[in-house]
N, C-alpha and C. Protein backbone atom coordinates (compact mmCIF):
# COMPACT_ATOMS: atom_id res chain seq x y z
N MET A 1 22.28 23.56 -15.71
CA MET A 1 21.86 22.17 -15.62
C MET A 1 20.35 22.03 -15.35
N PRO A 2 19.79 22.72 -14.33
CA PRO A 2 18.33 22.63 -14.12
C PRO A 2 17.54 23.10 -15.33
N GLU A 3 18.03 24.15 -16.00
CA GLU A 3 17.31 24.65 -17.17
C GLU A 3 17.30 23.60 -18.28
N ALA A 4 18.42 22.88 -18.44
CA ALA A 4 18.48 21.83 -19.46
C ALA A 4 17.49 20.72 -19.15
N ILE A 5 17.39 20.37 -17.88
CA ILE A 5 16.45 19.33 -17.48
C ILE A 5 15.01 19.78 -17.75
N ILE A 6 14.72 21.03 -17.40
CA ILE A 6 13.37 21.56 -17.62
C ILE A 6 13.04 21.58 -19.10
N ASP A 7 14.01 21.97 -19.92
CA ASP A 7 13.79 21.99 -21.37
C ASP A 7 13.56 20.58 -21.90
N SER A 8 14.30 19.61 -21.38
CA SER A 8 14.13 18.23 -21.83
C SER A 8 12.76 17.70 -21.46
N VAL A 9 12.32 17.99 -20.25
CA VAL A 9 11.00 17.54 -19.82
C VAL A 9 9.91 18.21 -20.65
N ALA A 10 10.06 19.52 -20.90
CA ALA A 10 9.07 20.24 -21.71
C ALA A 10 9.01 19.68 -23.13
N ASN A 11 10.18 19.35 -23.68
CA ASN A 11 10.22 18.77 -25.01
C ASN A 11 9.55 17.40 -25.03
N LEU A 12 9.79 16.62 -23.98
CA LEU A 12 9.16 15.30 -23.87
C LEU A 12 7.65 15.41 -23.80
N MET A 13 7.17 16.36 -23.00
CA MET A 13 5.73 16.55 -22.86
C MET A 13 5.11 17.01 -24.18
N ASP A 14 5.84 17.83 -24.90
CA ASP A 14 5.32 18.34 -26.17
C ASP A 14 5.25 17.23 -27.22
N ARG A 15 6.26 16.38 -27.26
CA ARG A 15 6.31 15.33 -28.27
C ARG A 15 5.46 14.12 -27.91
N GLY A 16 5.09 13.99 -26.65
CA GLY A 16 4.33 12.81 -26.22
C GLY A 16 2.85 12.87 -26.51
N GLY A 17 2.35 14.00 -26.96
CA GLY A 17 0.92 14.10 -27.26
C GLY A 17 0.08 14.21 -26.01
N TRP A 18 -1.23 14.13 -26.19
CA TRP A 18 -2.14 14.34 -25.06
C TRP A 18 -2.08 13.20 -24.04
N VAL A 19 -1.69 11.99 -24.47
CA VAL A 19 -1.66 10.86 -23.54
C VAL A 19 -0.59 11.04 -22.48
N ILE A 20 0.42 11.83 -22.76
CA ILE A 20 1.49 12.01 -21.79
C ILE A 20 1.01 12.72 -20.54
N TRP A 21 -0.05 13.51 -20.65
CA TRP A 21 -0.55 14.26 -19.48
C TRP A 21 -1.20 13.36 -18.43
N PRO A 22 -2.10 12.45 -18.81
CA PRO A 22 -2.58 11.52 -17.77
C PRO A 22 -1.47 10.63 -17.22
N LEU A 23 -0.47 10.32 -18.05
CA LEU A 23 0.66 9.55 -17.53
C LEU A 23 1.44 10.37 -16.51
N LEU A 24 1.55 11.67 -16.75
CA LEU A 24 2.21 12.54 -15.79
C LEU A 24 1.45 12.56 -14.46
N VAL A 25 0.14 12.65 -14.55
CA VAL A 25 -0.68 12.63 -13.33
C VAL A 25 -0.49 11.31 -12.57
N LEU A 26 -0.51 10.20 -13.29
CA LEU A 26 -0.31 8.90 -12.66
C LEU A 26 1.05 8.82 -11.97
N SER A 27 2.07 9.36 -12.62
CA SER A 27 3.41 9.31 -12.02
C SER A 27 3.48 10.12 -10.74
N ILE A 28 2.85 11.29 -10.72
CA ILE A 28 2.86 12.13 -9.51
C ILE A 28 2.10 11.44 -8.38
N VAL A 29 0.94 10.89 -8.70
CA VAL A 29 0.15 10.18 -7.69
C VAL A 29 0.92 8.98 -7.16
N ALA A 30 1.55 8.23 -8.07
CA ALA A 30 2.29 7.04 -7.67
C ALA A 30 3.45 7.39 -6.74
N LEU A 31 4.22 8.40 -7.08
CA LEU A 31 5.35 8.79 -6.25
C LEU A 31 4.90 9.27 -4.87
N THR A 32 3.79 10.00 -4.85
CA THR A 32 3.26 10.48 -3.57
C THR A 32 2.83 9.32 -2.67
N LEU A 33 2.12 8.36 -3.25
CA LEU A 33 1.65 7.22 -2.47
C LEU A 33 2.80 6.32 -2.04
N ILE A 34 3.79 6.17 -2.92
CA ILE A 34 4.95 5.36 -2.55
C ILE A 34 5.68 5.99 -1.37
N PHE A 35 5.84 7.30 -1.38
CA PHE A 35 6.49 7.99 -0.26
C PHE A 35 5.67 7.80 1.02
N GLU A 36 4.36 7.97 0.93
CA GLU A 36 3.51 7.84 2.12
C GLU A 36 3.56 6.44 2.69
N ARG A 37 3.44 5.43 1.81
CA ARG A 37 3.45 4.04 2.27
C ARG A 37 4.82 3.63 2.80
N THR A 38 5.88 4.15 2.21
CA THR A 38 7.23 3.84 2.71
C THR A 38 7.40 4.37 4.12
N TRP A 39 6.97 5.59 4.34
CA TRP A 39 7.05 6.18 5.69
C TRP A 39 6.18 5.39 6.67
N PHE A 40 5.00 4.99 6.22
CA PHE A 40 4.09 4.24 7.09
C PHE A 40 4.70 2.91 7.51
N TRP A 41 5.26 2.16 6.57
CA TRP A 41 5.79 0.84 6.89
C TRP A 41 7.08 0.93 7.69
N ILE A 42 7.88 1.95 7.46
CA ILE A 42 9.08 2.13 8.28
C ILE A 42 8.69 2.38 9.73
N ALA A 43 7.65 3.21 9.93
CA ALA A 43 7.20 3.49 11.29
C ALA A 43 6.49 2.29 11.92
N THR A 44 5.74 1.54 11.11
CA THR A 44 4.94 0.44 11.65
C THR A 44 5.80 -0.76 12.04
N ASN A 45 6.75 -1.11 11.18
CA ASN A 45 7.55 -2.31 11.42
C ASN A 45 9.00 -1.99 11.77
N SER A 46 9.19 -0.91 12.50
CA SER A 46 10.53 -0.57 12.95
C SER A 46 11.00 -1.56 14.02
N GLN A 47 12.28 -1.54 14.31
CA GLN A 47 12.83 -2.45 15.31
C GLN A 47 12.20 -2.22 16.68
N THR A 48 11.97 -0.96 17.02
CA THR A 48 11.36 -0.64 18.32
C THR A 48 9.95 -1.23 18.42
N ARG A 49 9.18 -1.11 17.34
CA ARG A 49 7.83 -1.64 17.35
C ARG A 49 7.84 -3.17 17.45
N ARG A 50 8.77 -3.81 16.78
CA ARG A 50 8.84 -5.27 16.83
C ARG A 50 9.18 -5.75 18.23
N VAL A 51 10.10 -5.05 18.90
CA VAL A 51 10.46 -5.42 20.27
C VAL A 51 9.26 -5.23 21.20
N ARG A 52 8.55 -4.13 21.05
CA ARG A 52 7.38 -3.88 21.88
C ARG A 52 6.29 -4.91 21.61
N PHE A 53 6.14 -5.29 20.36
CA PHE A 53 5.17 -6.31 20.01
C PHE A 53 5.48 -7.63 20.71
N ASP A 54 6.74 -8.04 20.71
CA ASP A 54 7.13 -9.29 21.37
C ASP A 54 6.89 -9.20 22.87
N GLN A 55 7.14 -8.04 23.45
CA GLN A 55 6.93 -7.87 24.89
C GLN A 55 5.45 -7.95 25.24
N VAL A 56 4.60 -7.34 24.41
CA VAL A 56 3.16 -7.39 24.66
C VAL A 56 2.65 -8.82 24.58
N ALA A 57 3.05 -9.54 23.56
CA ALA A 57 2.61 -10.94 23.42
C ALA A 57 3.10 -11.78 24.58
N LEU A 58 4.33 -11.54 25.03
CA LEU A 58 4.88 -12.30 26.17
C LEU A 58 4.10 -12.00 27.44
N CYS A 59 3.77 -10.74 27.68
CA CYS A 59 3.00 -10.38 28.88
C CYS A 59 1.63 -11.06 28.88
N LEU A 60 1.00 -11.11 27.74
CA LEU A 60 -0.31 -11.76 27.67
C LEU A 60 -0.20 -13.25 27.96
N ARG A 61 0.82 -13.89 27.42
CA ARG A 61 0.98 -15.33 27.66
C ARG A 61 1.33 -15.62 29.12
N GLN A 62 1.96 -14.66 29.78
CA GLN A 62 2.32 -14.85 31.18
C GLN A 62 1.21 -14.40 32.13
N GLY A 63 0.07 -13.99 31.56
CA GLY A 63 -1.05 -13.58 32.40
C GLY A 63 -0.89 -12.23 33.04
N ALA A 64 -0.26 -11.30 32.34
CA ALA A 64 -0.05 -9.95 32.87
C ALA A 64 -0.67 -8.94 31.92
N PRO A 65 -2.02 -8.86 31.87
CA PRO A 65 -2.67 -7.95 30.92
C PRO A 65 -2.41 -6.47 31.21
N ASN A 66 -2.23 -6.12 32.48
CA ASN A 66 -1.99 -4.71 32.81
C ASN A 66 -0.66 -4.24 32.24
N GLU A 67 0.37 -5.09 32.33
CA GLU A 67 1.65 -4.73 31.75
C GLU A 67 1.54 -4.63 30.22
N ALA A 68 0.79 -5.55 29.61
CA ALA A 68 0.59 -5.51 28.17
C ALA A 68 -0.15 -4.24 27.75
N ARG A 69 -1.16 -3.87 28.54
CA ARG A 69 -1.92 -2.67 28.23
C ARG A 69 -1.04 -1.42 28.38
N ALA A 70 -0.17 -1.40 29.37
CA ALA A 70 0.73 -0.26 29.56
C ALA A 70 1.70 -0.13 28.40
N LEU A 71 2.19 -1.25 27.89
CA LEU A 71 3.10 -1.21 26.75
C LEU A 71 2.39 -0.73 25.49
N ALA A 72 1.12 -1.14 25.33
CA ALA A 72 0.39 -0.80 24.12
C ALA A 72 -0.24 0.59 24.16
N SER A 73 -0.37 1.17 25.36
CA SER A 73 -1.10 2.44 25.49
C SER A 73 -0.41 3.58 24.76
N GLY A 74 0.91 3.58 24.72
CA GLY A 74 1.62 4.67 24.05
C GLY A 74 1.94 4.39 22.59
N ASP A 75 1.47 3.27 22.08
CA ASP A 75 1.78 2.88 20.71
C ASP A 75 0.57 3.19 19.83
N ARG A 76 0.76 4.11 18.88
CA ARG A 76 -0.35 4.48 17.99
C ARG A 76 -0.28 3.74 16.67
N SER A 77 0.53 2.71 16.58
CA SER A 77 0.58 1.91 15.36
C SER A 77 -0.64 0.99 15.32
N VAL A 78 -0.73 0.21 14.24
CA VAL A 78 -1.87 -0.72 14.13
C VAL A 78 -1.83 -1.74 15.26
N TYR A 79 -0.64 -2.11 15.71
CA TYR A 79 -0.54 -3.11 16.78
C TYR A 79 -1.04 -2.55 18.11
N GLY A 80 -0.64 -1.31 18.42
CA GLY A 80 -1.09 -0.72 19.66
C GLY A 80 -2.59 -0.48 19.68
N ARG A 81 -3.13 0.03 18.59
CA ARG A 81 -4.57 0.28 18.53
C ARG A 81 -5.36 -1.02 18.57
N LEU A 82 -4.84 -2.04 17.90
CA LEU A 82 -5.51 -3.33 17.95
C LEU A 82 -5.50 -3.90 19.36
N MET A 83 -4.38 -3.77 20.05
CA MET A 83 -4.29 -4.29 21.40
C MET A 83 -5.25 -3.57 22.34
N ASP A 84 -5.39 -2.26 22.19
CA ASP A 84 -6.34 -1.52 23.03
C ASP A 84 -7.76 -2.07 22.86
N ARG A 85 -8.11 -2.40 21.62
CA ARG A 85 -9.45 -2.93 21.35
C ARG A 85 -9.60 -4.36 21.85
N LEU A 86 -8.58 -5.17 21.62
CA LEU A 86 -8.69 -6.59 21.94
C LEU A 86 -8.77 -6.85 23.44
N LEU A 87 -8.03 -6.07 24.22
CA LEU A 87 -8.03 -6.31 25.67
C LEU A 87 -9.37 -6.00 26.30
N GLY A 88 -10.17 -5.18 25.62
CA GLY A 88 -11.50 -4.87 26.17
C GLY A 88 -12.62 -5.65 25.53
N GLU A 89 -12.30 -6.54 24.60
CA GLU A 89 -13.33 -7.30 23.89
C GLU A 89 -13.12 -8.79 24.11
N THR A 90 -14.23 -9.51 24.15
CA THR A 90 -14.15 -10.96 24.30
C THR A 90 -14.92 -11.70 23.21
N SER A 91 -15.92 -11.04 22.60
CA SER A 91 -16.72 -11.71 21.58
C SER A 91 -15.96 -11.80 20.27
N ALA A 92 -16.27 -12.85 19.51
CA ALA A 92 -15.59 -13.06 18.23
C ALA A 92 -15.92 -11.94 17.23
N SER A 93 -17.16 -11.46 17.25
CA SER A 93 -17.56 -10.41 16.31
C SER A 93 -16.84 -9.10 16.60
N ALA A 94 -16.66 -8.78 17.87
CA ALA A 94 -15.95 -7.55 18.24
C ALA A 94 -14.48 -7.64 17.86
N ILE A 95 -13.89 -8.81 18.04
CA ILE A 95 -12.49 -9.00 17.66
C ILE A 95 -12.33 -8.88 16.15
N ALA A 96 -13.27 -9.49 15.41
CA ALA A 96 -13.21 -9.41 13.95
C ALA A 96 -13.34 -7.97 13.47
N LEU A 97 -14.21 -7.19 14.11
CA LEU A 97 -14.38 -5.78 13.74
C LEU A 97 -13.12 -4.98 14.02
N ALA A 98 -12.48 -5.26 15.16
CA ALA A 98 -11.24 -4.55 15.50
C ALA A 98 -10.13 -4.87 14.50
N VAL A 99 -10.05 -6.12 14.09
CA VAL A 99 -9.04 -6.50 13.11
C VAL A 99 -9.31 -5.84 11.77
N GLU A 100 -10.57 -5.79 11.36
CA GLU A 100 -10.93 -5.21 10.07
C GLU A 100 -10.61 -3.72 10.03
N ASP A 101 -10.80 -3.03 11.15
CA ASP A 101 -10.48 -1.60 11.20
C ASP A 101 -8.99 -1.37 10.94
N GLN A 102 -8.14 -2.20 11.54
CA GLN A 102 -6.71 -2.03 11.35
C GLN A 102 -6.25 -2.56 10.00
N ARG A 103 -6.94 -3.55 9.46
CA ARG A 103 -6.60 -4.06 8.14
C ARG A 103 -6.77 -2.96 7.09
N GLN A 104 -7.78 -2.13 7.25
CA GLN A 104 -7.99 -1.03 6.31
C GLN A 104 -6.82 -0.06 6.31
N ARG A 105 -6.23 0.17 7.48
CA ARG A 105 -5.05 1.04 7.55
C ARG A 105 -3.86 0.39 6.84
N LEU A 106 -3.73 -0.93 6.99
CA LEU A 106 -2.61 -1.62 6.36
C LEU A 106 -2.76 -1.66 4.84
N GLU A 107 -3.98 -1.82 4.35
CA GLU A 107 -4.22 -1.96 2.91
C GLU A 107 -4.49 -0.63 2.21
N ARG A 108 -4.32 0.45 2.92
CA ARG A 108 -4.61 1.77 2.35
C ARG A 108 -3.74 2.04 1.12
N PHE A 109 -4.37 2.49 0.06
CA PHE A 109 -3.74 2.87 -1.20
C PHE A 109 -3.18 1.70 -2.01
N MET A 110 -3.28 0.48 -1.51
CA MET A 110 -2.76 -0.65 -2.26
C MET A 110 -3.55 -0.86 -3.56
N THR A 111 -4.86 -0.68 -3.49
CA THR A 111 -5.68 -0.82 -4.70
C THR A 111 -5.31 0.25 -5.72
N THR A 112 -5.06 1.47 -5.24
CA THR A 112 -4.69 2.54 -6.16
C THR A 112 -3.36 2.25 -6.84
N LEU A 113 -2.39 1.78 -6.09
CA LEU A 113 -1.09 1.45 -6.68
C LEU A 113 -1.22 0.30 -7.68
N GLY A 114 -2.03 -0.70 -7.35
CA GLY A 114 -2.24 -1.80 -8.28
C GLY A 114 -2.92 -1.33 -9.56
N THR A 115 -3.84 -0.39 -9.43
CA THR A 115 -4.50 0.17 -10.61
C THR A 115 -3.52 0.94 -11.49
N ILE A 116 -2.61 1.68 -10.86
CA ILE A 116 -1.61 2.43 -11.63
C ILE A 116 -0.70 1.48 -12.39
N ILE A 117 -0.32 0.37 -11.77
CA ILE A 117 0.52 -0.61 -12.45
C ILE A 117 -0.16 -1.13 -13.71
N THR A 118 -1.47 -1.31 -13.63
CA THR A 118 -2.21 -1.82 -14.79
C THR A 118 -2.52 -0.72 -15.80
N ALA A 119 -2.88 0.46 -15.32
CA ALA A 119 -3.35 1.53 -16.21
C ALA A 119 -2.22 2.20 -16.98
N ALA A 120 -1.04 2.34 -16.38
CA ALA A 120 0.04 3.08 -17.05
C ALA A 120 0.45 2.43 -18.37
N PRO A 121 0.70 1.12 -18.43
CA PRO A 121 1.04 0.53 -19.74
C PRO A 121 -0.10 0.62 -20.74
N MET A 122 -1.35 0.52 -20.25
CA MET A 122 -2.48 0.62 -21.16
C MET A 122 -2.57 2.02 -21.76
N LEU A 123 -2.32 3.03 -20.95
CA LEU A 123 -2.28 4.39 -21.50
C LEU A 123 -1.13 4.55 -22.50
N GLY A 124 -0.01 3.90 -22.20
CA GLY A 124 1.11 3.94 -23.14
C GLY A 124 0.75 3.32 -24.47
N ILE A 125 0.01 2.20 -24.43
CA ILE A 125 -0.44 1.56 -25.67
C ILE A 125 -1.43 2.47 -26.41
N LEU A 126 -2.30 3.14 -25.66
CA LEU A 126 -3.22 4.07 -26.27
C LEU A 126 -2.45 5.19 -27.00
N GLY A 127 -1.39 5.68 -26.35
CA GLY A 127 -0.56 6.69 -27.01
C GLY A 127 0.12 6.15 -28.25
N THR A 128 0.49 4.85 -28.20
CA THR A 128 1.08 4.23 -29.39
C THR A 128 0.10 4.24 -30.56
N VAL A 129 -1.14 3.87 -30.26
CA VAL A 129 -2.16 3.82 -31.31
C VAL A 129 -2.43 5.21 -31.87
N THR A 130 -2.59 6.19 -30.99
CA THR A 130 -2.88 7.54 -31.48
C THR A 130 -1.70 8.12 -32.27
N GLY A 131 -0.47 7.79 -31.85
CA GLY A 131 0.69 8.27 -32.59
C GLY A 131 0.79 7.65 -33.98
N ILE A 132 0.48 6.35 -34.07
CA ILE A 132 0.50 5.69 -35.39
C ILE A 132 -0.60 6.25 -36.29
N ILE A 133 -1.77 6.47 -35.70
CA ILE A 133 -2.86 7.06 -36.49
C ILE A 133 -2.45 8.44 -37.01
N ARG A 134 -1.76 9.20 -36.18
CA ARG A 134 -1.30 10.53 -36.60
C ARG A 134 -0.33 10.43 -37.77
N SER A 135 0.56 9.46 -37.72
CA SER A 135 1.50 9.26 -38.83
C SER A 135 0.78 8.83 -40.09
N PHE A 136 -0.18 7.93 -39.97
CA PHE A 136 -0.94 7.47 -41.14
C PHE A 136 -1.74 8.61 -41.75
N ASN A 137 -2.26 9.50 -40.91
CA ASN A 137 -2.99 10.65 -41.45
C ASN A 137 -2.09 11.54 -42.28
N VAL A 138 -0.85 11.68 -41.86
CA VAL A 138 0.09 12.48 -42.64
C VAL A 138 0.40 11.79 -43.96
N LEU A 139 0.62 10.46 -43.90
CA LEU A 139 0.93 9.73 -45.13
C LEU A 139 -0.25 9.66 -46.08
N GLY A 140 -1.45 9.66 -45.52
CA GLY A 140 -2.64 9.55 -46.35
C GLY A 140 -3.23 10.87 -46.77
N ALA A 141 -2.57 11.95 -46.44
CA ALA A 141 -3.09 13.28 -46.82
C ALA A 141 -3.04 13.45 -48.33
N GLU A 142 -3.91 14.32 -48.82
CA GLU A 142 -3.95 14.57 -50.26
C GLU A 142 -2.63 15.15 -50.75
N VAL A 143 -2.03 16.00 -49.91
CA VAL A 143 -0.73 16.56 -50.25
C VAL A 143 0.33 15.69 -49.57
N THR A 144 1.13 15.01 -50.34
CA THR A 144 2.12 14.10 -49.79
C THR A 144 3.13 14.86 -48.95
N ALA A 145 3.45 14.28 -47.77
CA ALA A 145 4.41 14.93 -46.89
C ALA A 145 5.79 14.89 -47.51
N THR A 146 6.42 16.03 -47.56
CA THR A 146 7.77 16.12 -48.13
C THR A 146 8.84 16.09 -47.06
N GLU A 147 8.46 16.35 -45.82
CA GLU A 147 9.41 16.34 -44.72
C GLU A 147 9.21 15.08 -43.88
N PRO A 148 10.24 14.25 -43.73
CA PRO A 148 10.12 13.05 -42.89
C PRO A 148 9.76 13.39 -41.45
N SER A 149 10.12 14.59 -41.01
CA SER A 149 9.83 14.98 -39.63
C SER A 149 8.34 15.01 -39.35
N GLN A 150 7.52 15.25 -40.37
CA GLN A 150 6.07 15.27 -40.17
C GLN A 150 5.55 13.88 -39.80
N VAL A 151 6.12 12.86 -40.42
CA VAL A 151 5.75 11.49 -40.06
C VAL A 151 6.38 11.10 -38.73
N ALA A 152 7.60 11.58 -38.51
CA ALA A 152 8.32 11.21 -37.28
C ALA A 152 7.63 11.74 -36.03
N ILE A 153 6.84 12.79 -36.16
CA ILE A 153 6.15 13.34 -34.98
C ILE A 153 5.21 12.28 -34.39
N GLY A 154 4.43 11.63 -35.26
CA GLY A 154 3.51 10.60 -34.77
C GLY A 154 4.24 9.39 -34.24
N ILE A 155 5.35 8.99 -34.89
CA ILE A 155 6.12 7.85 -34.41
C ILE A 155 6.74 8.15 -33.05
N ALA A 156 7.25 9.37 -32.89
CA ALA A 156 7.82 9.76 -31.60
C ALA A 156 6.76 9.72 -30.50
N GLU A 157 5.57 10.20 -30.81
CA GLU A 157 4.48 10.15 -29.83
C GLU A 157 4.19 8.71 -29.43
N ALA A 158 4.17 7.81 -30.42
CA ALA A 158 3.88 6.41 -30.14
C ALA A 158 4.94 5.79 -29.23
N LEU A 159 6.20 6.05 -29.51
CA LEU A 159 7.28 5.44 -28.75
C LEU A 159 7.42 6.06 -27.36
N ILE A 160 7.28 7.37 -27.28
CA ILE A 160 7.46 8.05 -25.99
C ILE A 160 6.41 7.60 -24.98
N THR A 161 5.15 7.57 -25.38
CA THR A 161 4.09 7.18 -24.44
C THR A 161 4.24 5.73 -24.01
N THR A 162 4.67 4.87 -24.91
CA THR A 162 4.89 3.46 -24.54
C THR A 162 5.98 3.34 -23.50
N VAL A 163 7.09 4.03 -23.73
CA VAL A 163 8.21 3.97 -22.79
C VAL A 163 7.82 4.54 -21.44
N VAL A 164 7.14 5.67 -21.43
CA VAL A 164 6.75 6.31 -20.17
C VAL A 164 5.77 5.43 -19.40
N GLY A 165 4.79 4.84 -20.11
CA GLY A 165 3.82 3.97 -19.44
C GLY A 165 4.48 2.76 -18.81
N LEU A 166 5.39 2.12 -19.54
CA LEU A 166 6.10 0.96 -18.99
C LEU A 166 7.01 1.36 -17.84
N ALA A 167 7.65 2.52 -17.95
CA ALA A 167 8.54 2.98 -16.88
C ALA A 167 7.77 3.23 -15.59
N ILE A 168 6.60 3.85 -15.70
CA ILE A 168 5.79 4.09 -14.50
C ILE A 168 5.38 2.78 -13.85
N ALA A 169 4.94 1.82 -14.67
CA ALA A 169 4.52 0.52 -14.13
C ALA A 169 5.67 -0.18 -13.42
N LEU A 170 6.86 -0.14 -14.00
CA LEU A 170 8.01 -0.80 -13.39
C LEU A 170 8.43 -0.11 -12.09
N VAL A 171 8.40 1.22 -12.10
CA VAL A 171 8.80 1.96 -10.90
C VAL A 171 7.85 1.67 -9.74
N VAL A 172 6.57 1.53 -10.04
CA VAL A 172 5.57 1.27 -8.99
C VAL A 172 5.56 -0.19 -8.57
N LEU A 173 5.88 -1.09 -9.49
CA LEU A 173 5.75 -2.52 -9.23
C LEU A 173 6.62 -2.99 -8.07
N PHE A 174 7.86 -2.57 -8.04
CA PHE A 174 8.77 -3.06 -7.00
C PHE A 174 8.37 -2.58 -5.60
N PRO A 175 8.09 -1.28 -5.38
CA PRO A 175 7.59 -0.88 -4.06
C PRO A 175 6.27 -1.57 -3.70
N TYR A 176 5.42 -1.76 -4.70
CA TYR A 176 4.13 -2.42 -4.43
C TYR A 176 4.35 -3.82 -3.86
N ASN A 177 5.27 -4.57 -4.44
CA ASN A 177 5.54 -5.92 -3.94
C ASN A 177 6.15 -5.88 -2.54
N VAL A 178 7.00 -4.89 -2.30
CA VAL A 178 7.57 -4.73 -0.95
C VAL A 178 6.46 -4.41 0.05
N PHE A 179 5.55 -3.52 -0.31
CA PHE A 179 4.45 -3.18 0.58
C PHE A 179 3.55 -4.39 0.82
N ARG A 180 3.34 -5.19 -0.21
CA ARG A 180 2.52 -6.39 -0.07
C ARG A 180 3.16 -7.37 0.91
N ALA A 181 4.49 -7.50 0.84
CA ALA A 181 5.18 -8.38 1.78
C ALA A 181 5.07 -7.85 3.21
N GLN A 182 5.20 -6.53 3.39
CA GLN A 182 5.04 -5.94 4.71
C GLN A 182 3.62 -6.14 5.23
N LEU A 183 2.65 -6.04 4.33
CA LEU A 183 1.25 -6.25 4.71
C LEU A 183 1.04 -7.66 5.23
N ASP A 184 1.54 -8.65 4.51
CA ASP A 184 1.40 -10.04 4.94
C ASP A 184 2.08 -10.27 6.28
N ARG A 185 3.26 -9.66 6.46
CA ARG A 185 3.98 -9.82 7.72
C ARG A 185 3.20 -9.20 8.88
N SER A 186 2.61 -8.05 8.65
CA SER A 186 1.83 -7.39 9.70
C SER A 186 0.57 -8.17 10.04
N LEU A 187 -0.09 -8.72 9.04
CA LEU A 187 -1.27 -9.54 9.30
C LEU A 187 -0.90 -10.77 10.13
N GLY A 188 0.27 -11.33 9.86
CA GLY A 188 0.73 -12.46 10.66
C GLY A 188 0.95 -12.07 12.11
N ARG A 189 1.53 -10.89 12.33
CA ARG A 189 1.72 -10.42 13.71
C ARG A 189 0.38 -10.16 14.39
N MET A 190 -0.58 -9.62 13.65
CA MET A 190 -1.90 -9.39 14.22
C MET A 190 -2.56 -10.70 14.63
N GLU A 191 -2.38 -11.73 13.82
CA GLU A 191 -2.92 -13.04 14.18
C GLU A 191 -2.26 -13.57 15.46
N THR A 192 -0.98 -13.31 15.62
CA THR A 192 -0.29 -13.71 16.84
C THR A 192 -0.86 -12.99 18.05
N LEU A 193 -1.13 -11.69 17.90
CA LEU A 193 -1.73 -10.93 19.00
C LEU A 193 -3.12 -11.46 19.34
N ILE A 194 -3.90 -11.76 18.33
CA ILE A 194 -5.24 -12.28 18.57
C ILE A 194 -5.18 -13.60 19.31
N ALA A 195 -4.26 -14.48 18.90
CA ALA A 195 -4.12 -15.76 19.57
C ALA A 195 -3.71 -15.57 21.03
N ALA A 196 -2.80 -14.62 21.29
CA ALA A 196 -2.36 -14.37 22.66
C ALA A 196 -3.50 -13.81 23.51
N VAL A 197 -4.29 -12.90 22.94
CA VAL A 197 -5.42 -12.33 23.68
C VAL A 197 -6.47 -13.40 23.96
N GLN A 198 -6.79 -14.22 22.98
CA GLN A 198 -7.77 -15.28 23.18
C GLN A 198 -7.28 -16.28 24.21
N GLU A 199 -5.99 -16.56 24.19
CA GLU A 199 -5.43 -17.46 25.21
C GLU A 199 -5.56 -16.86 26.60
N HIS A 200 -5.33 -15.54 26.67
CA HIS A 200 -5.46 -14.85 27.96
C HIS A 200 -6.90 -14.86 28.44
N HIS A 201 -7.84 -14.56 27.53
CA HIS A 201 -9.25 -14.57 27.93
C HIS A 201 -9.69 -15.98 28.34
N GLY A 202 -9.19 -16.99 27.63
CA GLY A 202 -9.53 -18.36 27.99
C GLY A 202 -9.02 -18.71 29.37
N ALA A 203 -7.81 -18.28 29.70
CA ALA A 203 -7.25 -18.55 31.03
C ALA A 203 -8.04 -17.82 32.10
N GLU A 204 -8.46 -16.58 31.80
CA GLU A 204 -9.27 -15.84 32.76
C GLU A 204 -10.61 -16.52 33.00
N SER A 205 -11.25 -16.98 31.94
CA SER A 205 -12.54 -17.65 32.06
C SER A 205 -12.40 -18.93 32.88
N ALA A 206 -11.33 -19.68 32.64
CA ALA A 206 -11.11 -20.92 33.39
C ALA A 206 -10.88 -20.61 34.87
N ALA A 207 -10.10 -19.54 35.13
CA ALA A 207 -9.85 -19.17 36.52
C ALA A 207 -11.12 -18.71 37.21
N ASN A 208 -11.95 -17.94 36.52
CA ASN A 208 -13.21 -17.48 37.12
C ASN A 208 -14.16 -18.65 37.38
N SER A 209 -14.20 -19.60 36.45
CA SER A 209 -15.05 -20.77 36.64
C SER A 209 -14.59 -21.58 37.84
N GLY A 210 -13.26 -21.69 37.99
CA GLY A 210 -12.72 -22.42 39.14
C GLY A 210 -13.06 -21.72 40.44
N ASP A 211 -13.00 -20.37 40.45
CA ASP A 211 -13.33 -19.63 41.67
C ASP A 211 -14.81 -19.79 42.02
N ASP A 212 -15.67 -19.76 40.99
CA ASP A 212 -17.11 -19.93 41.25
C ASP A 212 -17.40 -21.30 41.81
N ALA A 213 -16.74 -22.31 41.26
CA ALA A 213 -16.96 -23.66 41.75
C ALA A 213 -16.47 -23.81 43.18
N GLU A 214 -15.36 -23.18 43.51
CA GLU A 214 -14.81 -23.22 44.86
C GLU A 214 -15.73 -22.54 45.84
N GLU A 215 -16.33 -21.40 45.42
CA GLU A 215 -17.25 -20.70 46.30
C GLU A 215 -18.51 -21.53 46.56
N LYS A 216 -18.99 -22.25 45.53
CA LYS A 216 -20.17 -23.08 45.72
C LYS A 216 -19.88 -24.22 46.67
N ARG A 217 -18.69 -24.81 46.56
CA ARG A 217 -18.34 -25.91 47.48
C ARG A 217 -18.20 -25.39 48.89
N SER A 218 -17.65 -24.17 49.04
CA SER A 218 -17.50 -23.61 50.38
C SER A 218 -18.86 -23.31 50.99
N ALA A 219 -19.82 -22.84 50.14
CA ALA A 219 -21.15 -22.53 50.65
C ALA A 219 -21.88 -23.80 51.04
């Protein structure tokens, strides 16, 4: 059975022409990135992480930053790293920089996957054109082709590359949309954390201002 599969793949690669090789590279890259991103999102948005996220946000709203920091200290996800940065920052520029650092982790490889979705069908169309040209060259040769298989070689190349290009795009498209949905959900959670931290800093500033005013009245 494995030998039959290997022979089928080898035959496909042979009949697909040179365009099948970049399509093969795209498929390997796509599968690798899909596996990496799937593992990343499972770890990032697991049930345990969601529960910890809710607890951190609740601690901040209740004015317990030390408890929030303790919960976030052992979390190496984007939420934990963002919380470590946010609790020590108060300026808008520092908060924006912290968010941008974690956004890059969330959006990692998304551009590459989107490019593969676009490039794979285009390579398939390129293979279609080269296969048709190959068939026309056989038909237009000075010596007329007597074997239909000579013309069929170019037609097979045209059809195989088209099918492979479309198949790669479809296989990548569905995980890509799932990853995009996870990305949007994570950005929403990050905005919730930012709002909770800003609310906490605002409450601290108000409390400090009240203490300063009380000290001045006492003096």
